N, C-alpha and C. Protein backbone atom coordinates (compact mmCIF):
# COMPACT_ATOMS: atom_id res chain seq x y z
N MET A 1 -6.42 21.05 31.07
CA MET A 1 -7.51 21.91 30.65
C MET A 1 -7.59 22.06 29.12
N PRO A 2 -6.52 21.84 28.36
CA PRO A 2 -6.64 21.97 26.91
C PRO A 2 -7.71 21.04 26.32
N ASP A 3 -7.83 19.82 26.84
CA ASP A 3 -8.85 18.91 26.34
C ASP A 3 -10.25 19.44 26.64
N LEU A 4 -10.42 20.03 27.81
CA LEU A 4 -11.71 20.61 28.19
C LEU A 4 -12.03 21.79 27.29
N LEU A 5 -11.04 22.59 26.99
CA LEU A 5 -11.22 23.73 26.10
C LEU A 5 -11.64 23.25 24.71
N LEU A 6 -11.03 22.19 24.23
CA LEU A 6 -11.41 21.65 22.92
C LEU A 6 -12.86 21.17 22.91
N LYS A 7 -13.29 20.54 24.00
CA LYS A 7 -14.68 20.07 24.11
C LYS A 7 -15.64 21.25 24.08
N ALA A 8 -15.31 22.32 24.81
CA ALA A 8 -16.17 23.51 24.84
C ALA A 8 -16.22 24.16 23.47
N LYS A 9 -15.07 24.28 22.80
CA LYS A 9 -15.04 24.88 21.47
C LYS A 9 -15.83 24.04 20.47
N GLU A 10 -15.74 22.73 20.58
CA GLU A 10 -16.49 21.84 19.69
C GLU A 10 -17.99 22.04 19.87
N TYR A 11 -18.43 22.15 21.12
CA TYR A 11 -19.84 22.37 21.41
C TYR A 11 -20.31 23.69 20.80
N VAL A 12 -19.53 24.75 21.01
CA VAL A 12 -19.90 26.07 20.49
C VAL A 12 -19.90 26.05 18.96
N ARG A 13 -18.95 25.41 18.36
CA ARG A 13 -18.88 25.32 16.90
C ARG A 13 -20.14 24.66 16.33
N GLN A 14 -20.65 23.64 17.03
CA GLN A 14 -21.83 22.92 16.56
C GLN A 14 -23.12 23.69 16.81
N HIS A 15 -23.24 24.33 17.97
CA HIS A 15 -24.50 24.96 18.36
C HIS A 15 -24.56 26.47 18.14
N HIS A 16 -23.43 27.13 18.09
CA HIS A 16 -23.36 28.58 17.90
C HIS A 16 -22.18 28.92 16.98
N PRO A 17 -22.28 28.58 15.71
CA PRO A 17 -21.15 28.76 14.79
C PRO A 17 -20.67 30.21 14.68
N GLU A 18 -21.53 31.17 15.00
CA GLU A 18 -21.11 32.57 14.93
C GLU A 18 -20.07 32.92 16.00
N LEU A 19 -19.89 32.04 16.98
CA LEU A 19 -18.90 32.24 18.04
C LEU A 19 -17.68 31.33 17.87
N ALA A 20 -17.57 30.63 16.76
CA ALA A 20 -16.51 29.65 16.57
C ALA A 20 -15.11 30.26 16.63
N ASP A 21 -14.97 31.53 16.28
CA ASP A 21 -13.65 32.17 16.27
C ASP A 21 -13.30 32.88 17.57
N VAL A 22 -14.14 32.75 18.59
CA VAL A 22 -13.94 33.46 19.86
C VAL A 22 -13.11 32.61 20.82
N GLU A 23 -12.13 33.24 21.47
CA GLU A 23 -11.38 32.57 22.54
C GLU A 23 -12.11 32.84 23.86
N PRO A 24 -12.48 31.79 24.59
CA PRO A 24 -13.27 31.98 25.80
C PRO A 24 -12.42 32.33 27.02
N THR A 25 -13.11 32.83 28.04
CA THR A 25 -12.49 32.95 29.36
C THR A 25 -12.87 31.69 30.11
N ALA A 26 -12.05 31.32 31.09
CA ALA A 26 -12.30 30.08 31.84
C ALA A 26 -12.33 30.37 33.34
N ALA A 27 -13.17 29.63 34.05
CA ALA A 27 -13.26 29.74 35.50
C ALA A 27 -13.58 28.36 36.05
N GLN A 28 -13.13 28.12 37.28
CA GLN A 28 -13.45 26.86 37.96
C GLN A 28 -14.21 27.19 39.24
N PRO A 29 -15.54 27.32 39.13
CA PRO A 29 -16.35 27.70 40.28
C PRO A 29 -16.47 26.59 41.33
N ALA A 30 -16.26 25.36 40.91
CA ALA A 30 -16.34 24.23 41.84
C ALA A 30 -15.37 23.16 41.36
N GLN A 31 -14.99 22.33 42.28
CA GLN A 31 -14.08 21.24 41.92
C GLN A 31 -14.80 20.29 40.97
N GLY A 32 -14.14 19.92 39.91
CA GLY A 32 -14.70 18.96 38.97
C GLY A 32 -15.34 19.56 37.74
N VAL A 33 -15.49 20.88 37.69
CA VAL A 33 -16.08 21.52 36.51
C VAL A 33 -15.30 22.77 36.13
N THR A 34 -15.33 23.09 34.85
CA THR A 34 -14.74 24.32 34.33
C THR A 34 -15.80 25.00 33.47
N VAL A 35 -15.96 26.30 33.66
CA VAL A 35 -16.94 27.06 32.90
C VAL A 35 -16.20 27.94 31.90
N PHE A 36 -16.54 27.78 30.63
CA PHE A 36 -15.96 28.59 29.56
C PHE A 36 -17.03 29.56 29.08
N THR A 37 -16.67 30.83 29.00
CA THR A 37 -17.61 31.86 28.55
C THR A 37 -17.12 32.45 27.23
N PHE A 38 -17.97 32.33 26.22
CA PHE A 38 -17.69 32.86 24.90
C PHE A 38 -18.54 34.12 24.72
N ARG A 39 -17.92 35.25 24.36
CA ARG A 39 -18.66 36.50 24.16
C ARG A 39 -18.25 37.15 22.85
N LYS A 40 -19.27 37.70 22.17
CA LYS A 40 -19.00 38.44 20.94
C LYS A 40 -20.06 39.52 20.78
N GLU A 41 -19.63 40.68 20.32
CA GLU A 41 -20.54 41.80 20.12
C GLU A 41 -20.95 41.87 18.65
N PHE A 42 -22.25 42.08 18.44
CA PHE A 42 -22.80 42.18 17.10
C PHE A 42 -23.54 43.51 16.97
N ALA A 43 -23.67 44.00 15.74
CA ALA A 43 -24.46 45.19 15.47
C ALA A 43 -25.77 44.76 14.82
N THR A 44 -26.86 45.33 15.30
CA THR A 44 -28.17 45.05 14.70
C THR A 44 -28.32 45.89 13.43
N PRO A 45 -29.30 45.59 12.61
CA PRO A 45 -29.53 46.42 11.41
C PRO A 45 -29.80 47.90 11.76
N ASP A 46 -30.33 48.14 12.96
CA ASP A 46 -30.60 49.51 13.40
C ASP A 46 -29.36 50.22 13.92
N GLY A 47 -28.26 49.49 14.05
CA GLY A 47 -27.02 50.09 14.54
C GLY A 47 -26.76 49.88 16.02
N TYR A 48 -27.69 49.24 16.72
CA TYR A 48 -27.48 48.96 18.13
C TYR A 48 -26.50 47.81 18.29
N LYS A 49 -25.77 47.81 19.39
CA LYS A 49 -24.83 46.74 19.65
C LYS A 49 -25.42 45.80 20.70
N ILE A 50 -25.33 44.51 20.42
CA ILE A 50 -25.76 43.49 21.38
C ILE A 50 -24.62 42.51 21.59
N THR A 51 -24.58 41.93 22.76
CA THR A 51 -23.55 40.95 23.08
C THR A 51 -24.19 39.57 23.19
N LEU A 52 -23.63 38.63 22.48
CA LEU A 52 -24.05 37.24 22.59
C LEU A 52 -23.04 36.55 23.50
N ALA A 53 -23.54 35.95 24.56
CA ALA A 53 -22.68 35.24 25.50
C ALA A 53 -23.19 33.81 25.66
N VAL A 54 -22.28 32.87 25.57
CA VAL A 54 -22.61 31.46 25.76
C VAL A 54 -21.66 30.91 26.81
N ARG A 55 -22.23 30.29 27.84
CA ARG A 55 -21.43 29.65 28.90
C ARG A 55 -21.55 28.15 28.75
N VAL A 56 -20.41 27.49 28.69
CA VAL A 56 -20.38 26.03 28.55
C VAL A 56 -19.66 25.46 29.77
N THR A 57 -20.36 24.63 30.52
CA THR A 57 -19.78 23.99 31.69
C THR A 57 -19.35 22.58 31.30
N VAL A 58 -18.06 22.31 31.50
CA VAL A 58 -17.49 21.02 31.12
C VAL A 58 -16.96 20.32 32.37
N GLY A 59 -17.34 19.05 32.54
CA GLY A 59 -16.84 18.27 33.66
C GLY A 59 -15.41 17.83 33.43
N ASP A 60 -14.74 17.42 34.49
CA ASP A 60 -13.35 16.99 34.38
C ASP A 60 -13.18 15.79 33.45
N ASP A 61 -14.27 15.05 33.22
CA ASP A 61 -14.19 13.90 32.32
C ASP A 61 -14.40 14.30 30.85
N GLY A 62 -14.62 15.60 30.60
CA GLY A 62 -14.76 16.09 29.23
C GLY A 62 -16.17 16.16 28.71
N THR A 63 -17.16 15.85 29.55
CA THR A 63 -18.55 15.93 29.09
C THR A 63 -19.11 17.34 29.32
N VAL A 64 -19.93 17.78 28.39
CA VAL A 64 -20.59 19.08 28.55
C VAL A 64 -21.74 18.85 29.51
N VAL A 65 -21.64 19.47 30.69
CA VAL A 65 -22.64 19.29 31.73
C VAL A 65 -23.82 20.22 31.51
N LYS A 66 -23.53 21.45 31.06
CA LYS A 66 -24.57 22.46 30.92
C LYS A 66 -24.10 23.51 29.93
N ALA A 67 -25.05 24.12 29.23
CA ALA A 67 -24.75 25.23 28.34
C ALA A 67 -25.89 26.23 28.46
N ALA A 68 -25.55 27.51 28.47
CA ALA A 68 -26.55 28.56 28.60
C ALA A 68 -26.20 29.70 27.67
N THR A 69 -27.24 30.28 27.08
CA THR A 69 -27.07 31.43 26.20
C THR A 69 -27.59 32.67 26.90
């Protein structure tokens, strides 16, 4: 799984650099794929808090199958 984690982190670093320092949670909802969820809370200029979550699904072969924000 470390190689899959590196692939997910690389994807997030390229597409969502504001989440580059986040350690994701991992789940295996089906055989052959691992889903990594990156979450970070931000404050808006008005003081409200919002959470940015990005889910990256990586296949066992190391390819990013799907990503959702």
